[in-house]
């Protein structure tokens, strides 16, 4: 098991970013269309936070999209990203190791770690799925 591999070799580089003032309706649409669970929040190209699909579910009324939906329920879709995002995310550099990513996820009880450059710009993201894929025996 090679836990010394650098994150640049295993991070997901398919990133979708949102900005502070994007609505939760926009975020919901992105999550509905995409096959991932985290969005990176940027301002001026620099990482400011993370928004997970779980953050979105907690922020929306459970009645949105149902027959019981009221105007008040629908209004939760107008909340802004900055109101529900996780701020000051734990981050790592592309040179950081798989072991460091595992330690960060466990120590902070989080499900992803954004990988950023020296300027704070997102380069990738590492999730538990990426770690399991890296540690799994080769298929074939």
Protein backbone atom coordinates (compact mmCIF):
# COMPACT_ATOMS: atom_id res chain seq x y z
CA UNK A 1 0.00 0.00 0.00
CA UNK A 2 1.66 3.20 -1.20
CA UNK A 3 0.29 6.02 0.92
CA UNK A 4 3.20 8.26 -0.03
CA UNK A 5 1.81 8.94 -3.51
CA UNK A 6 1.35 12.67 -4.21
CA UNK A 7 -2.20 13.92 -4.52
CA UNK A 8 -1.54 15.29 -8.02
CA UNK A 9 -1.54 11.65 -9.19
CA UNK A 10 -4.94 10.75 -7.76
CA UNK A 11 -6.99 13.91 -7.24
CA UNK A 12 -10.06 14.55 -9.35
CA UNK A 13 -9.42 17.52 -11.59
CA UNK A 14 -12.98 17.78 -12.89
CA UNK A 15 -14.04 20.74 -10.78
CA UNK A 16 -17.17 22.79 -10.79
CA UNK A 17 -17.05 26.05 -8.96
CA UNK A 18 -19.71 28.45 -7.77
CA UNK A 19 -19.52 31.95 -6.37
CA UNK A 20 -20.79 33.51 -3.13
CA UNK A 21 -23.98 34.96 -4.59
CA UNK A 22 -25.09 31.99 -6.68
CA UNK A 23 -28.49 30.71 -5.56
CA UNK A 24 -29.23 27.32 -4.10
CA UNK A 25 -31.51 26.76 -7.10
CA UNK A 26 -28.40 26.96 -9.29
CA UNK A 27 -26.50 24.65 -6.95
CA UNK A 28 -29.36 22.13 -6.95
CA UNK A 29 -29.40 22.12 -10.74
CA UNK A 30 -25.64 21.48 -10.85
CA UNK A 31 -25.90 18.58 -8.38
CA UNK A 32 -28.86 17.11 -10.25
CA UNK A 33 -26.89 17.06 -13.51
CA UNK A 34 -23.46 16.12 -12.21
CA UNK A 35 -22.10 12.92 -10.77
CA UNK A 36 -20.29 14.44 -7.81
CA UNK A 37 -21.12 15.69 -4.33
CA UNK A 38 -18.98 18.79 -3.69
CA UNK A 39 -18.73 22.23 -5.25
CA UNK A 40 -15.86 24.59 -4.61
CA UNK A 41 -16.75 28.18 -3.78
CA UNK A 42 -14.38 30.69 -5.33
CA UNK A 43 -13.98 34.44 -5.35
CA UNK A 44 -11.51 35.94 -7.79
CA UNK A 45 -10.37 32.43 -8.67
CA UNK A 46 -9.32 31.67 -5.08
CA UNK A 47 -10.94 29.02 -2.93
CA UNK A 48 -13.22 30.41 -0.21
CA UNK A 49 -15.29 27.41 0.81
CA UNK A 50 -16.92 24.10 -0.04
CA UNK A 51 -20.58 23.29 -0.54
CA UNK A 52 -21.64 19.66 -0.36
CA UNK A 53 -24.86 18.05 -1.48
CA UNK A 54 -25.56 17.46 2.23
CA UNK A 55 -25.18 21.19 2.94
CA UNK A 56 -27.73 21.83 0.20
CA UNK A 57 -30.20 19.28 1.59
CA UNK A 58 -29.95 20.82 5.07
CA UNK A 59 -30.59 24.33 3.69
CA UNK A 60 -33.62 23.51 1.52
CA UNK A 61 -37.12 22.92 2.77
CA UNK A 62 -38.01 19.23 2.57
CA UNK A 63 -41.25 20.25 0.85
CA UNK A 64 -39.58 21.83 -2.21
CA UNK A 65 -40.87 20.07 -5.31
CA UNK A 66 -43.76 18.34 -3.53
CA UNK A 67 -47.50 18.96 -3.58
CA UNK A 68 -47.16 20.44 -0.09
CA UNK A 69 -44.70 23.13 -1.21
CA UNK A 70 -45.55 26.67 -0.11
CA UNK A 71 -44.06 29.98 -1.20
CA UNK A 72 -41.96 29.90 1.95
CA UNK A 73 -40.57 26.47 1.02
CA UNK A 74 -39.78 27.60 -2.54
CA UNK A 75 -38.02 30.68 -1.16
CA UNK A 76 -35.32 28.47 0.33
CA UNK A 77 -34.08 28.03 -3.26
CA UNK A 78 -33.26 31.75 -3.27
CA UNK A 79 -30.72 31.44 -0.45
CA UNK A 80 -27.17 32.20 -1.52
CA UNK A 81 -24.12 29.95 -1.47
CA UNK A 82 -22.36 32.12 1.13
CA UNK A 83 -25.21 31.46 3.56
CA UNK A 84 -24.72 27.69 3.67
CA UNK A 85 -21.17 26.89 2.52
CA UNK A 86 -18.44 25.55 4.77
CA UNK A 87 -15.88 28.31 5.21
CA UNK A 88 -12.13 28.02 5.70
CA UNK A 89 -11.91 24.53 4.20
CA UNK A 90 -9.08 22.20 5.05
CA UNK A 91 -6.82 22.15 1.98
CA UNK A 92 -3.69 20.40 0.79
CA UNK A 93 -1.05 21.04 -1.85
CA UNK A 94 -0.60 18.80 -4.91
CA UNK A 95 2.67 17.54 -3.38
CA UNK A 96 0.86 16.37 -0.25
CA UNK A 97 0.57 12.62 0.13
CA UNK A 98 -2.29 10.17 0.16
CA UNK A 99 -1.52 9.55 3.84
CA UNK A 100 -1.88 13.28 4.59
CA UNK A 101 -5.22 13.36 2.80
CA UNK A 102 -6.48 10.38 4.80
CA UNK A 103 -5.33 11.99 8.04
CA UNK A 104 -7.04 15.28 7.15
CA UNK A 105 -10.34 13.61 6.29
CA UNK A 106 -10.34 11.67 9.56
CA UNK A 107 -9.05 14.45 11.82
CA UNK A 108 -11.58 17.01 10.57
CA UNK A 109 -14.48 14.60 9.94
CA UNK A 110 -14.88 15.83 6.36
CA UNK A 111 -15.58 14.05 3.09
CA UNK A 112 -13.32 15.98 0.73
CA UNK A 113 -10.12 17.98 0.68
CA UNK A 114 -9.59 20.61 -2.01
CA UNK A 115 -6.12 20.66 -3.52
CA UNK A 116 -4.89 24.20 -4.13
CA UNK A 117 -1.83 25.91 -5.57
CA UNK A 118 0.32 28.43 -3.69
CA UNK A 119 -2.04 31.25 -4.69
CA UNK A 120 -5.12 29.52 -3.25
CA UNK A 121 -6.53 28.52 -6.64
CA UNK A 122 -8.22 25.10 -6.75
CA UNK A 123 -6.42 22.44 -8.79
CA UNK A 124 -8.38 19.38 -7.74
CA UNK A 125 -10.26 17.63 -5.00
CA UNK A 126 -9.68 14.41 -3.08
CA UNK A 127 -12.59 12.44 -1.67
CA UNK A 128 -12.89 9.11 0.10
CA UNK A 129 -13.76 7.54 -3.22
CA UNK A 130 -10.45 8.76 -4.73
CA UNK A 131 -8.57 7.33 -1.76
CA UNK A 132 -10.31 3.95 -1.98
CA UNK A 133 -9.64 3.83 -5.72
CA UNK A 134 -5.94 4.54 -5.09
CA UNK A 135 -5.68 1.85 -2.43
CA UNK A 136 -7.72 -0.84 -4.16
CA UNK A 137 -5.81 -3.71 -5.74
CA UNK A 138 -5.37 -3.36 -9.48
CA UNK A 139 -8.30 -4.76 -11.41
CA UNK A 140 -7.72 -6.97 -14.35
